[in-house]
Amino acid sequence: MTQENFALVVLGGQLADEASASEFASNANLILCADSGAEHARKLGLPVDAIVGDLDSTTPETLRFFEEKKNPRCEIIKIPEQEYNDFEKTLDYLSERWNGAVHILGMTGGRADHTLSNFSVMLRCADRFTSLEAYDGSSVHSFLTTKRNHRSIECSTGTTISLMPFGEAAGVTTKNLRYTLSNETLRLGAREGLSNISTGSPVIVSIESGALLISVHDLPKT
């Protein structure tokens, strides 16, 4: 796990490793929960700064727990409108207070449509923070966008890296991957870059335009 300053956002999806989640929390500058992410936080005893969302998926017991005096730092922000999901509401709230690195837990697992919606929100908000990374067990996911179109990935040789376009990613170029791309186009429903393998470090990925989800797998657990 990186040790730079970061904010942590906890969603209600699956936590692959509770010990790693607790370690993330111990290093975070801010901890926010998107609605039912508060259930994870209560179970793990995390010191939450804010719970944000329509709060229809958080139990009354959990809300009372965070309202008690032993949790004085926690704000509970109820936003009932349904135009945006709770993840996006949480990132909107966070962006008014923080523009640095953001780590996300509990974003995947369960319903596939929820996972895809969360990735869509992540893409919409990607340029609002220094970095926006979702951790899922031994994998980390992040987006390249037209504005932030280059990434250098420090990793061990043999690491699995997938490149998935959201819509289209044009001018995709890579270095230190087994299956090299040079100014090529990836398009959802036509061509993806699933399960490539690193041949050296750092792995370099860049695009000219569009949106590309980079998933780095096989990371060592903390």
C-alpha atoms as a PDB file:
ATOM      1  CA  MET A   1       0.000   0.000   0.000  1.00  0.00           C
ATOM      2  CA  THR A   2       1.215   3.486  -0.801  1.00  0.00           C
ATOM      3  CA  GLN A   3       1.749   5.790   2.156  1.00  0.00           C
ATOM      4  CA  GLU A   4       1.040   9.202   0.589  1.00  0.00           C
ATOM      5  CA  ASN A   5      -1.700  11.413   1.993  1.00  0.00           C
ATOM      6  CA  PHE A   6      -5.066  10.151   0.838  1.00  0.00           C
ATOM      7  CA  ALA A   7      -8.770  10.156   1.581  1.00  0.00           C
ATOM      8  CA  LEU A   8     -10.574   6.834   1.934  1.00  0.00           C
ATOM      9  CA  VAL A   9     -14.091   6.205   0.605  1.00  0.00           C
ATOM     10  CA  VAL A  10     -15.864   3.051   1.792  1.00  0.00           C
ATOM     11  CA  LEU A  11     -18.782   1.691  -0.254  1.00  0.00           C
ATOM     12  CA  GLY A  12     -21.166  -1.118   0.601  1.00  0.00           C
ATOM     13  CA  GLY A  13     -19.742  -3.736  -1.778  1.00  0.00           C
ATOM     14  CA  GLN A  14     -17.557  -6.635  -0.780  1.00  0.00           C
ATOM     15  CA  LEU A  15     -14.400  -6.127   1.252  1.00  0.00           C
ATOM     16  CA  ALA A  16     -12.045  -8.860   0.113  1.00  0.00           C
ATOM     17  CA  ASP A  17      -9.686  -8.392   3.051  1.00  0.00           C
ATOM     18  CA  GLU A  18     -10.836  -6.742   6.290  1.00  0.00           C
ATOM     19  CA  ALA A  19      -7.286  -6.515   7.641  1.00  0.00           C
ATOM     20  CA  SER A  20      -6.203  -4.525   4.595  1.00  0.00           C
ATOM     21  CA  ALA A  21      -9.275  -2.293   4.956  1.00  0.00           C
ATOM     22  CA  SER A  22      -8.294  -1.515   8.538  1.00  0.00           C
ATOM     23  CA  GLU A  23      -4.741  -0.716   7.450  1.00  0.00           C
ATOM     24  CA  PHE A  24      -6.004   1.634   4.750  1.00  0.00           C
ATOM     25  CA  ALA A  25      -8.095   3.399   7.384  1.00  0.00           C
ATOM     26  CA  SER A  26      -5.159   3.750   9.776  1.00  0.00           C
ATOM     27  CA  ASN A  27      -3.230   5.690   7.119  1.00  0.00           C
ATOM     28  CA  ALA A  28      -6.078   7.820   5.719  1.00  0.00           C
ATOM     29  CA  ASN A  29      -6.364  11.567   6.245  1.00  0.00           C
ATOM     30  CA  LEU A  30     -10.151  11.433   5.842  1.00  0.00           C
ATOM     31  CA  ILE A  31     -12.632   8.539   5.884  1.00  0.00           C
ATOM     32  CA  LEU A  32     -16.019   8.834   4.209  1.00  0.00           C
ATOM     33  CA  CYS A  33     -18.731   6.212   3.832  1.00  0.00           C
ATOM     34  CA  ALA A  34     -21.247   6.111   0.999  1.00  0.00           C
ATOM     35  CA  ASP A  35     -24.467   5.018   2.717  1.00  0.00           C
ATOM     36  CA  SER A  36     -24.146   1.298   3.555  1.00  0.00           C
ATOM     37  CA  GLY A  37     -20.372   1.586   3.571  1.00  0.00           C
ATOM     38  CA  ALA A  38     -21.043   2.707   7.133  1.00  0.00           C
ATOM     39  CA  GLU A  39     -21.936  -0.910   7.972  1.00  0.00           C
ATOM     40  CA  HIS A  40     -18.395  -1.969   7.057  1.00  0.00           C
ATOM     41  CA  ALA A  41     -16.971   0.949   9.017  1.00  0.00           C
ATOM     42  CA  ARG A  42     -18.961   0.105  12.141  1.00  0.00           C
ATOM     43  CA  LYS A  43     -17.939  -3.560  11.988  1.00  0.00           C
ATOM     44  CA  LEU A  44     -14.270  -2.637  11.614  1.00  0.00           C
ATOM     45  CA  GLY A  45     -14.360   0.191  14.141  1.00  0.00           C
ATOM     46  CA  LEU A  46     -13.192   2.833  11.658  1.00  0.00           C
ATOM     47  CA  PRO A  47     -13.050   6.515  12.730  1.00  0.00           C
ATOM     48  CA  VAL A  48     -15.432   7.928  10.129  1.00  0.00           C
ATOM     49  CA  ASP A  49     -15.512  11.630   9.193  1.00  0.00           C
ATOM     50  CA  ALA A  50     -18.782  11.558   7.231  1.00  0.00           C
ATOM     51  CA  ILE A  51     -21.564   9.276   6.039  1.00  0.00           C
ATOM     52  CA  VAL A  52     -23.152  10.541   2.820  1.00  0.00           C
ATOM     53  CA  GLY A  53     -26.158   9.392   0.790  1.00  0.00           C
ATOM     54  CA  ASP A  54     -29.899   8.889   0.942  1.00  0.00           C
ATOM     55  CA  LEU A  55     -29.225   6.574   3.924  1.00  0.00           C
ATOM     56  CA  ASP A  56     -31.817   4.018   2.852  1.00  0.00           C
ATOM     57  CA  SER A  57     -29.298   1.161   3.115  1.00  0.00           C
ATOM     58  CA  THR A  58     -27.806   1.980   6.505  1.00  0.00           C
ATOM     59  CA  THR A  59     -29.492   0.445   9.535  1.00  0.00           C
ATOM     60  CA  PRO A  60     -30.894   2.745  12.248  1.00  0.00           C
ATOM     61  CA  GLU A  61     -28.568   1.007  14.716  1.00  0.00           C
ATOM     62  CA  THR A  62     -25.513   1.992  12.683  1.00  0.00           C
ATOM     63  CA  LEU A  63     -26.657   5.592  12.296  1.00  0.00           C
ATOM     64  CA  ARG A  64     -27.252   5.802  16.052  1.00  0.00           C
ATOM     65  CA  PHE A  65     -23.799   4.321  16.649  1.00  0.00           C
ATOM     66  CA  PHE A  66     -22.134   7.090  14.644  1.00  0.00           C
ATOM     67  CA  GLU A  67     -24.340   9.762  16.192  1.00  0.00           C
ATOM     68  CA  GLU A  68     -23.204   8.883  19.707  1.00  0.00           C
ATOM     69  CA  LYS A  69     -20.761  11.091  21.578  1.00  0.00           C
ATOM     70  CA  LYS A  70     -17.966   8.541  21.188  1.00  0.00           C
ATOM     71  CA  ASN A  71     -18.022   9.383  17.455  1.00  0.00           C
ATOM     72  CA  PRO A  72     -18.061  13.213  17.656  1.00  0.00           C
ATOM     73  CA  ARG A  73     -16.174  13.766  14.414  1.00  0.00           C
ATOM     74  CA  CYS A  74     -18.692  12.021  12.172  1.00  0.00           C
ATOM     75  CA  GLU A  75     -21.062  14.102  10.050  1.00  0.00           C
ATOM     76  CA  ILE A  76     -24.178  12.407   8.698  1.00  0.00           C
ATOM     77  CA  ILE A  77     -25.167  14.012   5.411  1.00  0.00           C
ATOM     78  CA  LYS A  78     -28.554  12.900   4.094  1.00  0.00           C
ATOM     79  CA  ILE A  79     -29.111  13.692   0.409  1.00  0.00           C
ATOM     80  CA  PRO A  80     -32.493  12.192  -0.582  1.00  0.00           C
ATOM     81  CA  GLU A  81     -32.570  13.068  -4.286  1.00  0.00           C
ATOM     82  CA  GLN A  82     -32.180  10.110  -6.648  1.00  0.00           C
ATOM     83  CA  GLU A  83     -30.522  11.695  -9.689  1.00  0.00           C
ATOM     84  CA  TYR A  84     -27.094  10.547  -8.467  1.00  0.00           C
ATOM     85  CA  ASN A  85     -26.126   7.419  -6.573  1.00  0.00           C
ATOM     86  CA  ASP A  86     -24.599   7.506  -3.107  1.00  0.00           C
ATOM     87  CA  PHE A  87     -21.053   7.008  -4.396  1.00  0.00           C
ATOM     88  CA  GLU A  88     -21.278  10.122  -6.565  1.00  0.00           C
ATOM     89  CA  LYS A  89     -22.866  12.111  -3.725  1.00  0.00           C
ATOM     90  CA  THR A  90     -19.945  11.107  -1.530  1.00  0.00           C
ATOM     91  CA  LEU A  91     -17.336  12.112  -4.110  1.00  0.00           C
ATOM     92  CA  ASP A  92     -19.140  15.449  -4.625  1.00  0.00           C
ATOM     93  CA  TYR A  93     -19.024  16.092  -0.894  1.00  0.00           C
ATOM     94  CA  LEU A  94     -15.380  15.023  -0.705  1.00  0.00           C
ATOM     95  CA  SER A  95     -14.272  17.177  -3.658  1.00  0.00           C
ATOM     96  CA  GLU A  96     -15.300  20.322  -1.756  1.00  0.00           C
ATOM     97  CA  ARG A  97     -12.844  19.402   0.994  1.00  0.00           C
ATOM     98  CA  TRP A  98     -10.096  17.387  -0.696  1.00  0.00           C
ATOM     99  CA  ASN A  99      -8.514  17.218  -4.158  1.00  0.00           C
ATOM    100  CA  GLY A 100      -5.609  14.866  -3.461  1.00  0.00           C
ATOM    101  CA  ALA A 101      -5.380  11.096  -3.779  1.00  0.00           C
ATOM    102  CA  VAL A 102      -8.506   9.028  -3.073  1.00  0.00           C
ATOM    103  CA  HIS A 103      -8.622   5.287  -2.367  1.00  0.00           C
ATOM    104  CA  ILE A 104     -11.910   3.390  -2.646  1.00  0.00           C
ATOM    105  CA  LEU A 105     -12.950   0.164  -0.937  1.00  0.00           C
ATOM    106  CA  GLY A 106     -16.099  -1.927  -1.342  1.00  0.00           C
ATOM    107  CA  MET A 107     -16.775  -0.813  -4.915  1.00  0.00           C
ATOM    108  CA  THR A 108     -17.169  -4.248  -6.515  1.00  0.00           C
ATOM    109  CA  GLY A 109     -18.928  -7.513  -5.724  1.00  0.00           C
ATOM    110  CA  GLY A 110     -22.616  -8.341  -5.596  1.00  0.00           C
ATOM    111  CA  ARG A 111     -24.732  -7.009  -8.454  1.00  0.00           C
ATOM    112  CA  ALA A 112     -22.910  -6.468 -11.721  1.00  0.00           C
ATOM    113  CA  ASP A 113     -25.028  -3.409 -12.572  1.00  0.00           C
ATOM    114  CA  HIS A 114     -24.007  -1.754  -9.305  1.00  0.00           C
ATOM    115  CA  THR A 115     -20.348  -2.424 -10.075  1.00  0.00           C
ATOM    116  CA  LEU A 116     -20.642  -0.991 -13.594  1.00  0.00           C
ATOM    117  CA  SER A 117     -22.474   2.060 -12.280  1.00  0.00           C
ATOM    118  CA  ASN A 118     -19.723   2.622  -9.727  1.00  0.00           C
ATOM    119  CA  PHE A 119     -17.056   2.471 -12.426  1.00  0.00           C
ATOM    120  CA  SER A 120     -19.088   4.988 -14.444  1.00  0.00           C
ATOM    121  CA  VAL A 121     -19.174   7.351 -11.449  1.00  0.00           C
ATOM    122  CA  MET A 122     -15.461   6.822 -10.928  1.00  0.00           C
ATOM    123  CA  LEU A 123     -14.803   7.833 -14.532  1.00  0.00           C
ATOM    124  CA  ARG A 124     -16.949  10.974 -14.263  1.00  0.00           C
ATOM    125  CA  CYS A 125     -15.055  12.084 -11.183  1.00  0.00           C
ATOM    126  CA  ALA A 126     -11.559  10.900 -12.157  1.00  0.00           C
ATOM    127  CA  ASP A 127     -10.223  14.329 -13.131  1.00  0.00           C
ATOM    128  CA  ARG A 128     -11.383  16.002  -9.911  1.00  0.00           C
ATOM    129  CA  PHE A 129      -8.705  14.409  -7.730  1.00  0.00           C
ATOM    130  CA  THR A 130      -4.949  13.881  -7.962  1.00  0.00           C
ATOM    131  CA  SER A 131      -5.710  10.173  -8.288  1.00  0.00           C
ATOM    132  CA  LEU A 132      -8.770   7.969  -7.839  1.00  0.00           C
ATOM    133  CA  GLU A 133      -8.072   4.268  -7.263  1.00  0.00           C
ATOM    134  CA  ALA A 134     -10.398   1.424  -6.319  1.00  0.00           C
ATOM    135  CA  TYR A 135      -8.889  -1.477  -4.397  1.00  0.00           C
ATOM    136  CA  ASP A 136     -10.427  -4.929  -4.715  1.00  0.00           C
ATOM    137  CA  GLY A 137      -8.467  -7.607  -2.897  1.00  0.00           C
ATOM    138  CA  SER A 138      -5.157  -7.907  -4.726  1.00  0.00           C
ATOM    139  CA  SER A 139      -6.248  -5.645  -7.598  1.00  0.00           C
ATOM    140  CA  VAL A 140      -6.330  -1.876  -8.102  1.00  0.00           C
ATOM    141  CA  HIS A 141      -8.395  -0.074 -10.743  1.00  0.00           C
ATOM    142  CA  SER A 142      -7.948   3.446 -12.147  1.00  0.00           C
ATOM    143  CA  PHE A 143      -8.864   5.422 -15.265  1.00  0.00           C
ATOM    144  CA  LEU A 144      -6.912   7.206 -17.929  1.00  0.00           C
ATOM    145  CA  THR A 145      -8.857  10.088 -19.462  1.00  0.00           C
ATOM    146  CA  THR A 146      -8.264  12.603 -22.232  1.00  0.00           C
ATOM    147  CA  LYS A 147      -7.090  15.071 -19.558  1.00  0.00           C
ATOM    148  CA  ARG A 148      -4.986  12.622 -17.534  1.00  0.00           C
ATOM    149  CA  ASN A 149      -3.769  10.327 -20.254  1.00  0.00           C
ATOM    150  CA  HIS A 150      -0.560   8.745 -18.970  1.00  0.00           C
ATOM    151  CA  ARG A 151       0.348   6.343 -16.190  1.00  0.00           C
ATOM    152  CA  SER A 152       3.567   4.721 -14.999  1.00  0.00           C
ATOM    153  CA  ILE A 153       2.999   1.505 -13.018  1.00  0.00           C
ATOM    154  CA  GLU A 154       5.693   0.088 -10.763  1.00  0.00           C
ATOM    155  CA  CYS A 155       5.139  -3.670 -10.575  1.00  0.00           C
ATOM    156  CA  SER A 156       6.853  -7.048 -10.578  1.00  0.00           C
ATOM    157  CA  THR A 157       7.539  -8.860 -13.837  1.00  0.00           C
ATOM    158  CA  GLY A 158       4.634 -11.190 -14.582  1.00  0.00           C
ATOM    159  CA  THR A 159       1.953  -8.912 -13.116  1.00  0.00           C
ATOM    160  CA  THR A 160      -1.416  -9.198 -14.870  1.00  0.00           C
ATOM    161  CA  ILE A 161      -2.682  -5.889 -16.242  1.00  0.00           C
ATOM    162  CA  SER A 162      -5.956  -5.417 -18.107  1.00  0.00           C
ATOM    163  CA  LEU A 163      -6.820  -2.425 -20.290  1.00  0.00           C
ATOM    164  CA  MET A 164     -10.586  -1.983 -20.712  1.00  0.00           C
ATOM    165  CA  PRO A 165     -12.004   0.888 -22.770  1.00  0.00           C
ATOM    166  CA  PHE A 166     -15.092   2.656 -21.480  1.00  0.00           C
ATOM    167  CA  GLY A 167     -16.651   3.470 -24.809  1.00  0.00           C
ATOM    168  CA  GLU A 168     -13.478   4.083 -26.800  1.00  0.00           C
ATOM    169  CA  ALA A 169      -9.834   4.762 -25.988  1.00  0.00           C
ATOM    170  CA  ALA A 170      -7.825   6.056 -28.946  1.00  0.00           C
ATOM    171  CA  GLY A 171      -4.066   6.213 -29.399  1.00  0.00           C
ATOM    172  CA  VAL A 172      -3.343   3.545 -26.792  1.00  0.00           C
ATOM    173  CA  THR A 173       0.399   2.983 -26.427  1.00  0.00           C
ATOM    174  CA  THR A 174       2.168   0.720 -23.931  1.00  0.00           C
ATOM    175  CA  LYS A 175       5.683  -0.153 -22.796  1.00  0.00           C
ATOM    176  CA  ASN A 176       6.840  -3.244 -20.862  1.00  0.00           C
ATOM    177  CA  LEU A 177       3.751  -5.329 -21.630  1.00  0.00           C
ATOM    178  CA  ARG A 178       3.975  -8.696 -23.403  1.00  0.00           C
ATOM    179  CA  TYR A 179       1.332  -7.698 -25.958  1.00  0.00           C
ATOM    180  CA  THR A 180       2.450  -4.249 -26.984  1.00  0.00           C
ATOM    181  CA  LEU A 181       0.061  -1.594 -28.236  1.00  0.00           C
ATOM    182  CA  SER A 182       1.273   1.282 -30.393  1.00  0.00           C
ATOM    183  CA  ASN A 183      -1.163   4.115 -31.125  1.00  0.00           C
ATOM    184  CA  GLU A 184      -4.067   1.680 -31.310  1.00  0.00           C
ATOM    185  CA  THR A 185      -7.787   1.975 -30.591  1.00  0.00           C
ATOM    186  CA  LEU A 186      -9.638  -0.115 -28.030  1.00  0.00           C
ATOM    187  CA  ARG A 187     -13.426  -0.083 -28.148  1.00  0.00           C
ATOM    188  CA  LEU A 188     -15.968  -1.703 -25.853  1.00  0.00           C
ATOM    189  CA  GLY A 189     -17.767  -4.442 -27.737  1.00  0.00           C
ATOM    190  CA  ALA A 190     -15.054  -4.605 -30.382  1.00  0.00           C
ATOM    191  CA  ARG A 191     -11.602  -4.865 -28.834  1.00  0.00           C
ATOM    192  CA  GLU A 192     -10.308  -4.906 -25.263  1.00  0.00           C
ATOM    193  CA  GLY A 193      -6.929  -5.573 -23.678  1.00  0.00           C
ATOM    194  CA  LEU A 194      -7.709  -8.274 -21.130  1.00  0.00           C
ATOM    195  CA  SER A 195      -4.988  -9.984 -19.048  1.00  0.00           C
ATOM    196  CA  ASN A 196      -1.804  -8.592 -20.505  1.00  0.00           C
ATOM    197  CA  ILE A 197       1.440  -9.430 -18.660  1.00  0.00           C
ATOM    198  CA  SER A 198       4.199  -7.087 -17.517  1.00  0.00           C
ATOM    199  CA  THR A 199       7.691  -7.813 -18.838  1.00  0.00           C
ATOM    200  CA  GLY A 200       9.481  -5.110 -16.868  1.00  0.00           C
ATOM    201  CA  SER A 201       8.934  -2.090 -14.660  1.00  0.00           C
ATOM    202  CA  PRO A 202       7.594   0.473 -14.880  1.00  0.00           C
ATOM    203  CA  VAL A 203       4.744  -0.420 -17.207  1.00  0.00           C
ATOM    204  CA  ILE A 204       3.802   2.681 -19.197  1.00  0.00           C
ATOM    205  CA  VAL A 205       0.284   3.176 -20.558  1.00  0.00           C
ATOM    206  CA  SER A 206      -0.907   6.281 -22.407  1.00  0.00           C
ATOM    207  CA  ILE A 207      -3.871   7.285 -24.546  1.00  0.00           C
ATOM    208  CA  GLU A 208      -4.603  10.241 -26.807  1.00  0.00           C
ATOM    209  CA  SER A 209      -8.320  10.486 -26.051  1.00  0.00           C
ATOM    210  CA  GLY A 210     -11.260   8.619 -24.534  1.00  0.00           C
ATOM    211  CA  ALA A 211     -11.376   6.582 -21.360  1.00  0.00           C
ATOM    212  CA  LEU A 212      -9.365   3.501 -20.405  1.00  0.00           C
ATOM    213  CA  LEU A 213      -9.779   1.468 -17.222  1.00  0.00           C
ATOM    214  CA  ILE A 214      -6.455   0.033 -16.031  1.00  0.00           C
ATOM    215  CA  SER A 215      -6.727  -2.959 -13.698  1.00  0.00           C
ATOM    216  CA  VAL A 216      -3.526  -4.147 -12.066  1.00  0.00           C
ATOM    217  CA  HIS A 217      -3.869  -7.611 -10.523  1.00  0.00           C
ATOM    218  CA  ASP A 218      -1.746  -9.901  -8.354  1.00  0.00           C
ATOM    219  CA  LEU A 219      -0.634  -7.126  -6.009  1.00  0.00           C
ATOM    220  CA  PRO A 220       0.814  -8.348  -2.711  1.00  0.00           C
ATOM    221  CA  LYS A 221      -1.579  -8.060   0.212  1.00  0.00           C
ATOM    222  CA  THR A 222      -0.685  -5.653   2.981  1.00  0.00           C
END
